């Protein structure tokens, strides 16, 4: 299973050979390749998989995705604790 996570672009770094930038994932900042999204601007949300920004998202799309990921995390926690999320 592959998972791509949205984050906000905080810095663009043109480097020889590849357009790179820094993306903030809720306080965790990672350097990512921006070659697939050459029109990206600082402040845009991007969806990132394996260190590559794959697409530009609206803030609304990014927040919806982050909310869904949080819900999945809550379900995982409930399952790990033995609580049946379908009975809650």
N, C-alpha and C. Protein backbone atom coordinates (compact mmCIF):
# COMPACT_ATOMS: atom_id res chain seq x y z
N UNK A 1 0.84 -1.17 0.00
CA UNK A 1 0.00 0.00 0.00
C UNK A 1 0.88 1.23 0.00
N UNK A 2 0.53 2.20 -0.82
CA UNK A 2 1.28 3.46 -0.89
C UNK A 2 0.47 4.55 -0.22
N UNK A 3 1.16 5.47 0.41
CA UNK A 3 0.50 6.57 1.07
C UNK A 3 1.20 7.86 0.68
N UNK A 4 0.43 8.82 0.20
CA UNK A 4 0.95 10.15 -0.10
C UNK A 4 0.32 11.10 0.90
N UNK A 5 1.13 12.01 1.44
CA UNK A 5 0.70 12.88 2.52
C UNK A 5 0.81 14.34 2.09
N UNK A 6 -0.23 15.16 2.40
CA UNK A 6 -0.13 16.57 2.05
C UNK A 6 0.70 17.36 3.05
N UNK A 7 1.38 18.36 2.54
CA UNK A 7 2.13 19.29 3.36
C UNK A 7 2.19 20.62 2.65
N UNK A 8 2.68 21.65 3.33
CA UNK A 8 2.74 22.98 2.75
C UNK A 8 4.19 23.32 2.39
N UNK A 9 4.36 23.82 1.18
CA UNK A 9 5.70 24.17 0.69
C UNK A 9 6.17 25.46 1.36
N UNK A 10 7.33 25.40 2.01
CA UNK A 10 7.85 26.56 2.73
C UNK A 10 9.09 27.18 2.08
N UNK A 11 9.71 26.42 1.18
CA UNK A 11 10.95 26.91 0.57
C UNK A 11 11.18 26.19 -0.76
N UNK A 12 11.65 26.95 -1.75
CA UNK A 12 12.02 26.36 -3.04
C UNK A 12 13.51 26.55 -3.22
N UNK A 13 14.20 25.47 -3.58
CA UNK A 13 15.64 25.49 -3.73
C UNK A 13 16.02 24.97 -5.10
N UNK A 14 16.28 25.86 -6.06
CA UNK A 14 16.74 25.35 -7.35
C UNK A 14 18.16 24.81 -7.20
N UNK A 15 18.33 23.54 -7.47
CA UNK A 15 19.64 22.92 -7.36
C UNK A 15 20.01 22.35 -8.73
N UNK A 16 21.28 22.16 -8.98
CA UNK A 16 21.67 21.58 -10.27
C UNK A 16 21.04 20.19 -10.44
N UNK A 17 20.31 20.03 -11.51
CA UNK A 17 19.73 18.72 -11.81
C UNK A 17 18.31 18.51 -11.35
N UNK A 18 17.85 19.23 -10.31
CA UNK A 18 16.49 19.00 -9.82
C UNK A 18 15.98 20.21 -9.05
N UNK A 19 14.70 20.48 -9.22
CA UNK A 19 14.04 21.51 -8.43
C UNK A 19 13.65 20.87 -7.10
N UNK A 20 14.14 21.43 -6.01
CA UNK A 20 13.90 20.86 -4.69
C UNK A 20 13.23 21.92 -3.81
N UNK A 21 12.65 21.47 -2.71
CA UNK A 21 12.04 22.41 -1.77
C UNK A 21 11.83 21.74 -0.43
N UNK A 22 11.39 22.56 0.53
CA UNK A 22 11.10 22.04 1.87
C UNK A 22 9.60 22.11 2.09
N UNK A 23 9.07 21.00 2.59
CA UNK A 23 7.64 20.87 2.84
C UNK A 23 7.44 20.60 4.33
N UNK A 24 6.49 21.34 4.91
CA UNK A 24 6.16 21.21 6.33
C UNK A 24 4.93 20.31 6.47
N UNK A 25 5.12 19.21 7.19
CA UNK A 25 4.05 18.26 7.48
C UNK A 25 3.66 18.42 8.94
N UNK A 26 3.00 19.51 9.27
CA UNK A 26 2.56 19.72 10.65
C UNK A 26 3.69 19.86 11.64
N UNK A 27 4.76 20.51 11.26
CA UNK A 27 5.91 20.71 12.15
C UNK A 27 7.12 19.87 11.80
N UNK A 28 6.94 18.86 10.99
CA UNK A 28 8.06 18.04 10.50
C UNK A 28 8.37 18.52 9.09
N UNK A 29 9.58 19.03 8.90
CA UNK A 29 9.97 19.59 7.61
C UNK A 29 10.91 18.63 6.90
N UNK A 30 10.60 18.35 5.64
CA UNK A 30 11.42 17.44 4.83
C UNK A 30 11.73 18.09 3.49
N UNK A 31 12.90 17.75 2.96
CA UNK A 31 13.25 18.19 1.62
C UNK A 31 12.62 17.22 0.62
N UNK A 32 11.99 17.77 -0.41
CA UNK A 32 11.33 16.94 -1.42
C UNK A 32 11.68 17.44 -2.81
N UNK A 33 11.56 16.55 -3.77
CA UNK A 33 11.77 16.88 -5.17
C UNK A 33 10.49 17.50 -5.72
N UNK A 34 10.61 18.62 -6.42
CA UNK A 34 9.46 19.34 -6.96
C UNK A 34 9.36 19.24 -8.48
N UNK A 35 10.15 18.39 -9.09
CA UNK A 35 10.20 18.30 -10.56
C UNK A 35 8.83 18.00 -11.18
N UNK A 36 7.98 17.25 -10.51
CA UNK A 36 6.67 16.89 -11.07
C UNK A 36 5.65 18.02 -10.94
N UNK A 37 5.98 19.06 -10.18
CA UNK A 37 5.08 20.20 -9.99
C UNK A 37 5.85 21.51 -10.22
N UNK A 38 6.33 21.74 -11.43
CA UNK A 38 7.20 22.90 -11.69
C UNK A 38 6.53 24.25 -11.47
N UNK A 39 5.20 24.31 -11.45
CA UNK A 39 4.49 25.58 -11.25
C UNK A 39 4.18 25.86 -9.79
N UNK A 40 4.66 25.03 -8.88
CA UNK A 40 4.37 25.18 -7.46
C UNK A 40 4.96 26.48 -6.93
N UNK A 41 4.27 27.05 -5.93
CA UNK A 41 4.72 28.28 -5.29
C UNK A 41 4.76 28.07 -3.78
N UNK A 42 5.60 28.84 -3.12
CA UNK A 42 5.66 28.79 -1.66
C UNK A 42 4.26 29.07 -1.12
N UNK A 43 3.82 28.26 -0.17
CA UNK A 43 2.49 28.40 0.40
C UNK A 43 1.48 27.44 -0.19
N UNK A 44 1.83 26.80 -1.33
CA UNK A 44 0.95 25.78 -1.91
C UNK A 44 1.03 24.51 -1.10
N UNK A 45 -0.08 23.79 -1.05
CA UNK A 45 -0.08 22.45 -0.49
C UNK A 45 0.26 21.48 -1.61
N UNK A 46 1.11 20.52 -1.28
CA UNK A 46 1.47 19.47 -2.25
C UNK A 46 1.26 18.12 -1.59
N UNK A 47 1.01 17.12 -2.41
CA UNK A 47 0.90 15.76 -1.89
C UNK A 47 2.23 15.08 -2.21
N UNK A 48 2.83 14.46 -1.19
CA UNK A 48 4.19 13.93 -1.29
C UNK A 48 4.19 12.43 -1.03
N UNK A 49 4.90 11.71 -1.89
CA UNK A 49 5.12 10.27 -1.70
C UNK A 49 6.58 9.98 -1.97
N UNK A 50 7.23 9.31 -1.04
CA UNK A 50 8.61 8.87 -1.18
C UNK A 50 9.56 10.00 -1.58
N UNK A 51 9.32 11.19 -1.01
CA UNK A 51 10.22 12.31 -1.26
C UNK A 51 9.94 13.09 -2.53
N UNK A 52 8.85 12.80 -3.20
CA UNK A 52 8.49 13.50 -4.44
C UNK A 52 7.13 14.16 -4.30
N UNK A 53 7.05 15.46 -4.57
CA UNK A 53 5.77 16.15 -4.63
C UNK A 53 5.11 15.74 -5.94
N UNK A 54 3.91 15.18 -5.85
CA UNK A 54 3.24 14.62 -7.02
C UNK A 54 2.17 15.52 -7.60
N UNK A 55 1.58 16.38 -6.76
CA UNK A 55 0.47 17.19 -7.21
C UNK A 55 0.29 18.37 -6.28
N UNK A 56 -0.27 19.46 -6.80
CA UNK A 56 -0.61 20.62 -5.98
C UNK A 56 -2.07 20.46 -5.56
N UNK A 57 -2.35 20.72 -4.28
CA UNK A 57 -3.70 20.62 -3.73
C UNK A 57 -4.19 21.98 -3.26
N UNK A 58 -5.49 22.16 -3.25
CA UNK A 58 -6.05 23.33 -2.59
C UNK A 58 -5.93 23.12 -1.08
N UNK A 59 -6.02 24.18 -0.32
CA UNK A 59 -5.96 24.04 1.14
C UNK A 59 -7.11 23.15 1.62
N UNK A 60 -8.29 23.30 1.02
CA UNK A 60 -9.45 22.49 1.40
C UNK A 60 -9.19 21.00 1.17
N UNK A 61 -8.64 20.66 0.00
CA UNK A 61 -8.31 19.25 -0.29
C UNK A 61 -7.29 18.71 0.71
N UNK A 62 -6.28 19.52 1.01
CA UNK A 62 -5.24 19.09 1.94
C UNK A 62 -5.83 18.85 3.32
N UNK A 63 -6.69 19.75 3.81
CA UNK A 63 -7.27 19.60 5.14
C UNK A 63 -8.20 18.39 5.20
N UNK A 64 -8.96 18.14 4.12
CA UNK A 64 -9.83 16.96 4.08
C UNK A 64 -9.00 15.68 4.17
N UNK A 65 -7.89 15.64 3.44
CA UNK A 65 -7.02 14.47 3.46
C UNK A 65 -6.40 14.28 4.84
N UNK A 66 -5.91 15.36 5.44
CA UNK A 66 -5.32 15.27 6.77
C UNK A 66 -6.34 14.81 7.81
N UNK A 67 -7.57 15.29 7.68
CA UNK A 67 -8.63 14.86 8.60
C UNK A 67 -8.90 13.36 8.45
N UNK A 68 -8.95 12.88 7.21
CA UNK A 68 -9.17 11.45 6.97
C UNK A 68 -8.02 10.62 7.55
N UNK A 69 -6.79 11.11 7.41
CA UNK A 69 -5.64 10.39 7.97
C UNK A 69 -5.70 10.34 9.49
N UNK A 70 -6.14 11.45 10.11
CA UNK A 70 -6.29 11.46 11.57
C UNK A 70 -7.35 10.45 12.01
N UNK A 71 -8.46 10.38 11.27
CA UNK A 71 -9.51 9.42 11.59
C UNK A 71 -8.98 7.99 11.49
N UNK A 72 -8.19 7.71 10.46
CA UNK A 72 -7.60 6.38 10.32
C UNK A 72 -6.69 6.06 11.49
N UNK A 73 -5.93 7.06 11.93
CA UNK A 73 -5.06 6.87 13.09
C UNK A 73 -5.86 6.56 14.34
N UNK A 74 -7.01 7.25 14.50
CA UNK A 74 -7.87 6.99 15.66
C UNK A 74 -8.40 5.56 15.61
N UNK A 75 -8.82 5.12 14.43
CA UNK A 75 -9.34 3.76 14.28
C UNK A 75 -8.24 2.74 14.59
N UNK A 76 -7.03 2.99 14.09
CA UNK A 76 -5.90 2.10 14.37
C UNK A 76 -5.67 1.99 15.86
N UNK A 77 -5.73 3.13 16.56
CA UNK A 77 -5.52 3.11 18.02
C UNK A 77 -6.60 2.31 18.72
N UNK A 78 -7.85 2.49 18.27
CA UNK A 78 -8.95 1.74 18.88
C UNK A 78 -8.79 0.24 18.63
N UNK A 79 -8.42 -0.12 17.42
CA UNK A 79 -8.22 -1.53 17.11
C UNK A 79 -7.10 -2.13 17.94
N UNK A 80 -6.02 -1.37 18.11
CA UNK A 80 -4.88 -1.86 18.89
C UNK A 80 -5.25 -2.03 20.36
N UNK A 81 -6.21 -1.23 20.85
CA UNK A 81 -6.60 -1.31 22.26
C UNK A 81 -7.71 -2.32 22.49
N UNK A 82 -8.20 -2.93 21.39
CA UNK A 82 -9.25 -3.93 21.53
C UNK A 82 -10.66 -3.38 21.45
N UNK A 83 -10.81 -2.07 21.24
CA UNK A 83 -12.13 -1.47 21.12
C UNK A 83 -12.63 -1.66 19.69
N UNK A 84 -13.87 -2.10 19.55
CA UNK A 84 -14.46 -2.27 18.23
C UNK A 84 -15.02 -0.92 17.78
N UNK A 85 -14.39 -0.25 16.78
CA UNK A 85 -14.84 1.09 16.36
C UNK A 85 -16.26 1.08 15.80
N UNK A 86 -16.76 -0.06 15.40
CA UNK A 86 -18.12 -0.13 14.87
C UNK A 86 -19.16 -0.10 15.98
N UNK A 87 -18.74 -0.35 17.23
CA UNK A 87 -19.66 -0.36 18.36
C UNK A 87 -19.56 0.90 19.19
N UNK A 88 -18.69 1.81 18.81
CA UNK A 88 -18.50 3.05 19.58
C UNK A 88 -19.50 4.08 19.15
